[in-house]
């Protein structure tokens, strides 16, 4: 469990493999398989606006900047 504050964070999951591949391709995300059916996580945070537009990709250590980006992207 991530214990993220749902007032600040939303996480998305796409169970359909084809839809997931389309989403990854559209967002320019490269996935590296881990050989165990999962993937290697790069610890990036993707800021997505309410209109589904990718605003910015930040490193995990840039949480304050992510919150700033998200606040600017929200109408």
PDB file of N, CA and C in Angstrom:
ATOM      1  N   UNK A   1       0.841  -1.183   0.000  1.00  0.00           N
ATOM      2  CA  UNK A   1       0.000   0.000   0.000  1.00  0.00           C
ATOM      3  C   UNK A   1       0.884   1.244   0.000  1.00  0.00           C
ATOM      4  N   UNK A   2       0.535   2.208  -0.804  1.00  0.00           N
ATOM      5  CA  UNK A   2       1.335   3.424  -0.934  1.00  0.00           C
ATOM      6  C   UNK A   2       1.047   4.458   0.141  1.00  0.00           C
ATOM      7  N   UNK A   3      -0.104   4.363   0.787  1.00  0.00           N
ATOM      8  CA  UNK A   3      -0.520   5.313   1.827  1.00  0.00           C
ATOM      9  C   UNK A   3      -0.522   6.755   1.326  1.00  0.00           C
ATOM     10  N   UNK A   4      -0.893   6.943   0.086  1.00  0.00           N
ATOM     11  CA  UNK A   4      -0.952   8.283  -0.496  1.00  0.00           C
ATOM     12  C   UNK A   4      -2.251   8.967  -0.092  1.00  0.00           C
ATOM     13  N   UNK A   5      -2.192  10.265   0.133  1.00  0.00           N
ATOM     14  CA  UNK A   5      -3.360  11.068   0.479  1.00  0.00           C
ATOM     15  C   UNK A   5      -4.217  11.216  -0.778  1.00  0.00           C
ATOM     16  N   UNK A   6      -5.410  10.640  -0.774  1.00  0.00           N
ATOM     17  CA  UNK A   6      -6.264  10.661  -1.970  1.00  0.00           C
ATOM     18  C   UNK A   6      -6.752  12.064  -2.326  1.00  0.00           C
ATOM     19  N   UNK A   7      -6.605  13.024  -1.420  1.00  0.00           N
ATOM     20  CA  UNK A   7      -6.948  14.409  -1.745  1.00  0.00           C
ATOM     21  C   UNK A   7      -5.882  15.023  -2.656  1.00  0.00           C
ATOM     22  N   UNK A   8      -4.687  14.430  -2.676  1.00  0.00           N
ATOM     23  CA  UNK A   8      -3.583  14.961  -3.483  1.00  0.00           C
ATOM     24  C   UNK A   8      -3.215  14.074  -4.668  1.00  0.00           C
ATOM     25  N   UNK A   9      -3.355  12.763  -4.499  1.00  0.00           N
ATOM     26  CA  UNK A   9      -2.827  11.830  -5.490  1.00  0.00           C
ATOM     27  C   UNK A   9      -3.928  10.934  -6.034  1.00  0.00           C
ATOM     28  N   UNK A  10      -3.832  10.624  -7.319  1.00  0.00           N
ATOM     29  CA  UNK A  10      -4.684   9.617  -7.939  1.00  0.00           C
ATOM     30  C   UNK A  10      -3.777   8.701  -8.751  1.00  0.00           C
ATOM     31  N   UNK A  11      -4.007   7.414  -8.640  1.00  0.00           N
ATOM     32  CA  UNK A  11      -3.211   6.435  -9.353  1.00  0.00           C
ATOM     33  C   UNK A  11      -4.111   5.721 -10.350  1.00  0.00           C
ATOM     34  N   UNK A  12      -3.576   5.460 -11.528  1.00  0.00           N
ATOM     35  CA  UNK A  12      -4.361   4.809 -12.570  1.00  0.00           C
ATOM     36  C   UNK A  12      -3.813   3.412 -12.834  1.00  0.00           C
ATOM     37  N   UNK A  13      -4.702   2.527 -13.167  1.00  0.00           N
ATOM     38  CA  UNK A  13      -4.331   1.178 -13.560  1.00  0.00           C
ATOM     39  C   UNK A  13      -5.146   0.820 -14.793  1.00  0.00           C
ATOM     40  N   UNK A  14      -4.497   0.209 -15.745  1.00  0.00           N
ATOM     41  CA  UNK A  14      -5.177  -0.183 -16.984  1.00  0.00           C
ATOM     42  C   UNK A  14      -5.034  -1.699 -17.114  1.00  0.00           C
ATOM     43  N   UNK A  15      -6.090  -2.459 -16.787  1.00  0.00           N
ATOM     44  CA  UNK A  15      -5.989  -3.912 -16.802  1.00  0.00           C
ATOM     45  C   UNK A  15      -5.933  -4.532 -18.202  1.00  0.00           C
ATOM     46  N   UNK A  16      -6.466  -3.865 -19.208  1.00  0.00           N
ATOM     47  CA  UNK A  16      -6.452  -4.402 -20.568  1.00  0.00           C
ATOM     48  C   UNK A  16      -5.081  -4.139 -21.196  1.00  0.00           C
ATOM     49  N   UNK A  17      -4.373  -5.211 -21.562  1.00  0.00           N
ATOM     50  CA  UNK A  17      -2.995  -5.093 -22.066  1.00  0.00           C
ATOM     51  C   UNK A  17      -2.901  -4.214 -23.310  1.00  0.00           C
ATOM     52  N   UNK A  18      -3.849  -4.316 -24.223  1.00  0.00           N
ATOM     53  CA  UNK A  18      -3.804  -3.512 -25.448  1.00  0.00           C
ATOM     54  C   UNK A  18      -4.009  -2.031 -25.133  1.00  0.00           C
ATOM     55  N   UNK A  19      -4.969  -1.732 -24.262  1.00  0.00           N
ATOM     56  CA  UNK A  19      -5.199  -0.341 -23.871  1.00  0.00           C
ATOM     57  C   UNK A  19      -3.993   0.228 -23.133  1.00  0.00           C
ATOM     58  N   UNK A  20      -3.360  -0.605 -22.304  1.00  0.00           N
ATOM     59  CA  UNK A  20      -2.167  -0.166 -21.587  1.00  0.00           C
ATOM     60  C   UNK A  20      -1.055   0.185 -22.568  1.00  0.00           C
ATOM     61  N   UNK A  21      -0.838  -0.656 -23.560  1.00  0.00           N
ATOM     62  CA  UNK A  21       0.207  -0.375 -24.564  1.00  0.00           C
ATOM     63  C   UNK A  21      -0.090   0.917 -25.316  1.00  0.00           C
ATOM     64  N   UNK A  22      -1.359   1.151 -25.650  1.00  0.00           N
ATOM     65  CA  UNK A  22      -1.744   2.393 -26.328  1.00  0.00           C
ATOM     66  C   UNK A  22      -1.459   3.608 -25.446  1.00  0.00           C
ATOM     67  N   UNK A  23      -1.794   3.503 -24.154  1.00  0.00           N
ATOM     68  CA  UNK A  23      -1.556   4.595 -23.224  1.00  0.00           C
ATOM     69  C   UNK A  23      -0.061   4.870 -23.063  1.00  0.00           C
ATOM     70  N   UNK A  24       0.720   3.823 -22.874  1.00  0.00           N
ATOM     71  CA  UNK A  24       2.170   3.998 -22.731  1.00  0.00           C
ATOM     72  C   UNK A  24       2.770   4.654 -23.966  1.00  0.00           C
ATOM     73  N   UNK A  25       2.355   4.208 -25.133  1.00  0.00           N
ATOM     74  CA  UNK A  25       2.860   4.773 -26.391  1.00  0.00           C
ATOM     75  C   UNK A  25       2.469   6.247 -26.511  1.00  0.00           C
ATOM     76  N   UNK A  26       1.224   6.573 -26.190  1.00  0.00           N
ATOM     77  CA  UNK A  26       0.746   7.954 -26.289  1.00  0.00           C
ATOM     78  C   UNK A  26       1.492   8.881 -25.335  1.00  0.00           C
ATOM     79  N   UNK A  27       1.878   8.369 -24.156  1.00  0.00           N
ATOM     80  CA  UNK A  27       2.574   9.182 -23.163  1.00  0.00           C
ATOM     81  C   UNK A  27       4.086   9.142 -23.333  1.00  0.00           C
ATOM     82  N   UNK A  28       4.566   8.354 -24.284  1.00  0.00           N
ATOM     83  CA  UNK A  28       6.006   8.270 -24.502  1.00  0.00           C
ATOM     84  C   UNK A  28       6.743   7.543 -23.386  1.00  0.00           C
ATOM     85  N   UNK A  29       6.067   6.580 -22.759  1.00  0.00           N
ATOM     86  CA  UNK A  29       6.660   5.841 -21.649  1.00  0.00           C
ATOM     87  C   UNK A  29       7.250   4.532 -22.177  1.00  0.00           C
ATOM     88  N   UNK A  30       8.521   4.299 -21.851  1.00  0.00           N
ATOM     89  CA  UNK A  30       9.196   3.063 -22.232  1.00  0.00           C
ATOM     90  C   UNK A  30       9.178   2.130 -21.026  1.00  0.00           C
ATOM     91  N   UNK A  31       8.692   0.920 -21.241  1.00  0.00           N
ATOM     92  CA  UNK A  31       8.604  -0.067 -20.168  1.00  0.00           C
ATOM     93  C   UNK A  31       9.667  -1.133 -20.405  1.00  0.00           C
ATOM     94  N   UNK A  32      10.414  -1.443 -19.353  1.00  0.00           N
ATOM     95  CA  UNK A  32      11.454  -2.468 -19.424  1.00  0.00           C
ATOM     96  C   UNK A  32      10.995  -3.655 -18.590  1.00  0.00           C
ATOM     97  N   UNK A  33      10.792  -4.781 -19.251  1.00  0.00           N
ATOM     98  CA  UNK A  33      10.329  -5.988 -18.566  1.00  0.00           C
ATOM     99  C   UNK A  33      11.364  -6.461 -17.553  1.00  0.00           C
ATOM    100  N   UNK A  34      10.882  -7.005 -16.416  1.00  0.00           N
ATOM    101  CA  UNK A  34      11.791  -7.494 -15.383  1.00  0.00           C
ATOM    102  C   UNK A  34      12.062  -8.991 -15.506  1.00  0.00           C
ATOM    103  N   UNK A  35      11.462  -9.653 -16.504  1.00  0.00           N
ATOM    104  CA  UNK A  35      11.662 -11.079 -16.695  1.00  0.00           C
ATOM    105  C   UNK A  35      10.799 -11.956 -15.801  1.00  0.00           C
ATOM    106  N   UNK A  36      10.001 -11.324 -14.943  1.00  0.00           N
ATOM    107  CA  UNK A  36       9.132 -12.066 -14.025  1.00  0.00           C
ATOM    108  C   UNK A  36       7.660 -11.750 -14.261  1.00  0.00           C
ATOM    109  N   UNK A  37       7.361 -11.113 -15.385  1.00  0.00           N
ATOM    110  CA  UNK A  37       5.982 -10.742 -15.686  1.00  0.00           C
ATOM    111  C   UNK A  37       5.646  -9.325 -15.287  1.00  0.00           C
ATOM    112  N   UNK A  38       6.567  -8.639 -14.653  1.00  0.00           N
ATOM    113  CA  UNK A  38       6.372  -7.251 -14.246  1.00  0.00           C
ATOM    114  C   UNK A  38       7.284  -6.334 -15.046  1.00  0.00           C
ATOM    115  N   UNK A  39       7.656  -5.232 -14.445  1.00  0.00           N
ATOM    116  CA  UNK A  39       8.526  -4.285 -15.117  1.00  0.00           C
ATOM    117  C   UNK A  39       9.445  -3.601 -14.114  1.00  0.00           C
ATOM    118  N   UNK A  40      10.502  -3.021 -14.629  1.00  0.00           N
ATOM    119  CA  UNK A  40      11.432  -2.257 -13.812  1.00  0.00           C
ATOM    120  C   UNK A  40      10.853  -0.859 -13.674  1.00  0.00           C
ATOM    121  N   UNK A  41      10.701  -0.396 -12.451  1.00  0.00           N
ATOM    122  CA  UNK A  41      10.097   0.916 -12.208  1.00  0.00           C
ATOM    123  C   UNK A  41      11.185   1.968 -12.168  1.00  0.00           C
ATOM    124  N   UNK A  42      10.983   3.078 -12.884  1.00  0.00           N
ATOM    125  CA  UNK A  42      12.001   4.129 -12.930  1.00  0.00           C
ATOM    126  C   UNK A  42      11.748   5.245 -11.918  1.00  0.00           C
ATOM    127  N   UNK A  43      10.726   5.123 -11.113  1.00  0.00           N
ATOM    128  CA  UNK A  43      10.413   6.087 -10.057  1.00  0.00           C
ATOM    129  C   UNK A  43      10.099   7.481 -10.582  1.00  0.00           C
ATOM    130  N   UNK A  44       9.572   7.580 -11.770  1.00  0.00           N
ATOM    131  CA  UNK A  44       9.141   8.872 -12.304  1.00  0.00           C
ATOM    132  C   UNK A  44       7.687   9.119 -11.927  1.00  0.00           C
ATOM    133  N   UNK A  45       7.343  10.381 -11.770  1.00  0.00           N
ATOM    134  CA  UNK A  45       5.968  10.787 -11.495  1.00  0.00           C
ATOM    135  C   UNK A  45       5.441  11.518 -12.726  1.00  0.00           C
ATOM    136  N   UNK A  46       4.300  11.077 -13.232  1.00  0.00           N
ATOM    137  CA  UNK A  46       3.696  11.669 -14.423  1.00  0.00           C
ATOM    138  C   UNK A  46       2.532  12.552 -13.985  1.00  0.00           C
ATOM    139  N   UNK A  47       2.615  13.824 -14.287  1.00  0.00           N
ATOM    140  CA  UNK A  47       1.550  14.767 -13.944  1.00  0.00           C
ATOM    141  C   UNK A  47       0.601  14.841 -15.137  1.00  0.00           C
ATOM    142  N   UNK A  48      -0.657  14.484 -14.908  1.00  0.00           N
ATOM    143  CA  UNK A  48      -1.660  14.471 -15.963  1.00  0.00           C
ATOM    144  C   UNK A  48      -2.762  15.453 -15.588  1.00  0.00           C
ATOM    145  N   UNK A  49      -3.101  16.347 -16.519  1.00  0.00           N
ATOM    146  CA  UNK A  49      -4.141  17.352 -16.302  1.00  0.00           C
ATOM    147  C   UNK A  49      -5.517  16.693 -16.355  1.00  0.00           C
ATOM    148  N   UNK A  50      -6.536  17.358 -15.820  1.00  0.00           N
ATOM    149  CA  UNK A  50      -7.896  16.802 -15.861  1.00  0.00           C
ATOM    150  C   UNK A  50      -8.384  16.475 -17.274  1.00  0.00           C
ATOM    151  N   UNK A  51      -7.821  17.133 -18.291  1.00  0.00           N
ATOM    152  CA  UNK A  51      -8.223  16.853 -19.667  1.00  0.00           C
ATOM    153  C   UNK A  51      -7.398  15.719 -20.285  1.00  0.00           C
ATOM    154  N   UNK A  52      -6.686  14.951 -19.441  1.00  0.00           N
ATOM    155  CA  UNK A  52      -5.878  13.790 -19.827  1.00  0.00           C
ATOM    156  C   UNK A  52      -4.598  14.168 -20.570  1.00  0.00           C
ATOM    157  N   UNK A  53      -4.205  15.418 -20.519  1.00  0.00           N
ATOM    158  CA  UNK A  53      -2.972  15.877 -21.169  1.00  0.00           C
ATOM    159  C   UNK A  53      -1.806  15.650 -20.216  1.00  0.00           C
ATOM    160  N   UNK A  54      -0.723  15.036 -20.738  1.00  0.00           N
ATOM    161  CA  UNK A  54       0.476  14.845 -19.942  1.00  0.00           C
ATOM    162  C   UNK A  54       1.161  16.197 -19.774  1.00  0.00           C
ATOM    163  N   UNK A  55       1.281  16.652 -18.544  1.00  0.00           N
ATOM    164  CA  UNK A  55       1.830  17.973 -18.256  1.00  0.00           C
ATOM    165  C   UNK A  55       3.348  17.917 -18.131  1.00  0.00           C
ATOM    166  N   UNK A  56       3.838  16.945 -17.380  1.00  0.00           N
ATOM    167  CA  UNK A  56       5.275  16.881 -17.126  1.00  0.00           C
ATOM    168  C   UNK A  56       5.613  15.537 -16.504  1.00  0.00           C
ATOM    169  N   UNK A  57       6.860  15.125 -16.690  1.00  0.00           N
ATOM    170  CA  UNK A  57       7.385  13.940 -16.030  1.00  0.00           C
ATOM    171  C   UNK A  57       8.495  14.412 -15.102  1.00  0.00           C
ATOM    172  N   UNK A  58       8.387  14.054 -13.842  1.00  0.00           N
ATOM    173  CA  UNK A  58       9.362  14.483 -12.826  1.00  0.00           C
ATOM    174  C   UNK A  58       9.985  13.267 -12.149  1.00  0.00           C
ATOM    175  N   UNK A  59      11.172  13.458 -11.605  1.00  0.00           N
ATOM    176  CA  UNK A  59      11.817  12.419 -10.819  1.00  0.00           C
ATOM    177  C   UNK A  59      11.129  12.296  -9.465  1.00  0.00           C
ATOM    178  N   UNK A  60      11.256  11.140  -8.846  1.00  0.00           N
ATOM    179  CA  UNK A  60      10.607  10.879  -7.565  1.00  0.00           C
ATOM    180  C   UNK A  60      11.011  11.890  -6.492  1.00  0.00           C
ATOM    181  N   UNK A  61      12.229  12.405  -6.547  1.00  0.00           N
ATOM    182  CA  UNK A  61      12.698  13.364  -5.567  1.00  0.00           C
ATOM    183  C   UNK A  61      12.146  14.766  -5.739  1.00  0.00           C
ATOM    184  N   UNK A  62      11.316  14.973  -6.750  1.00  0.00           N
ATOM    185  CA  UNK A  62      10.779  16.304  -7.049  1.00  0.00           C
ATOM    186  C   UNK A  62       9.300  16.436  -6.674  1.00  0.00           C
ATOM    187  N   UNK A  63       8.920  15.895  -5.532  1.00  0.00           N
ATOM    188  CA  UNK A  63       7.513  15.876  -5.126  1.00  0.00           C
ATOM    189  C   UNK A  63       6.946  17.292  -5.019  1.00  0.00           C
ATOM    190  N   UNK A  64       7.693  18.218  -4.449  1.00  0.00           N
ATOM    191  CA  UNK A  64       7.190  19.596  -4.331  1.00  0.00           C
ATOM    192  C   UNK A  64       6.902  20.198  -5.700  1.00  0.00           C
ATOM    193  N   UNK A  65       7.774  19.949  -6.661  1.00  0.00           N
ATOM    194  CA  UNK A  65       7.553  20.463  -8.006  1.00  0.00           C
ATOM    195  C   UNK A  65       6.359  19.779  -8.674  1.00  0.00           C
ATOM    196  N   UNK A  66       6.156  18.480  -8.380  1.00  0.00           N
ATOM    197  CA  UNK A  66       5.001  17.752  -8.925  1.00  0.00           C
ATOM    198  C   UNK A  66       3.711  18.382  -8.422  1.00  0.00           C
ATOM    199  N   UNK A  67       3.664  18.685  -7.126  1.00  0.00           N
ATOM    200  CA  UNK A  67       2.465  19.314  -6.561  1.00  0.00           C
ATOM    201  C   UNK A  67       2.232  20.680  -7.196  1.00  0.00           C
ATOM    202  N   UNK A  68       3.298  21.427  -7.448  1.00  0.00           N
ATOM    203  CA  UNK A  68       3.188  22.728  -8.110  1.00  0.00           C
ATOM    204  C   UNK A  68       2.659  22.553  -9.540  1.00  0.00           C
ATOM    205  N   UNK A  69       3.213  21.591 -10.279  1.00  0.00           N
ATOM    206  CA  UNK A  69       2.760  21.311 -11.648  1.00  0.00           C
ATOM    207  C   UNK A  69       1.280  20.937 -11.650  1.00  0.00           C
ATOM    208  N   UNK A  70       0.883  20.078 -10.711  1.00  0.00           N
ATOM    209  CA  UNK A  70      -0.503  19.619 -10.649  1.00  0.00           C
ATOM    210  C   UNK A  70      -1.449  20.772 -10.331  1.00  0.00           C
ATOM    211  N   UNK A  71      -1.030  21.638  -9.435  1.00  0.00           N
ATOM    212  CA  UNK A  71      -1.886  22.786  -9.078  1.00  0.00           C
ATOM    213  C   UNK A  71      -2.058  23.705 -10.269  1.00  0.00           C
ATOM    214  N   UNK A  72      -1.033  23.895 -11.067  1.00  0.00           N
ATOM    215  CA  UNK A  72      -1.112  24.763 -12.248  1.00  0.00           C
ATOM    216  C   UNK A  72      -1.951  24.144 -13.352  1.00  0.00           C
ATOM    217  N   UNK A  73      -2.001  22.799 -13.407  1.00  0.00           N
ATOM    218  CA  UNK A  73      -2.729  22.093 -14.458  1.00  0.00           C
ATOM    219  C   UNK A  73      -4.211  21.970 -14.162  1.00  0.00           C
ATOM    220  N   UNK A  74      -4.594  22.196 -12.910  1.00  0.00           N
ATOM    221  CA  UNK A  74      -5.991  22.050 -12.500  1.00  0.00           C
ATOM    222  C   UNK A  74      -6.722  23.367 -12.661  1.00  0.00           C
ATOM    223  N   UNK A  75      -7.869  23.350 -13.375  1.00  0.00           N
ATOM    224  CA  UNK A  75      -8.623  24.617 -13.572  1.00  0.00           C
ATOM    225  C   UNK A  75      -9.222  25.132 -12.287  1.00  0.00           C
TER     226      UNK A  75
END
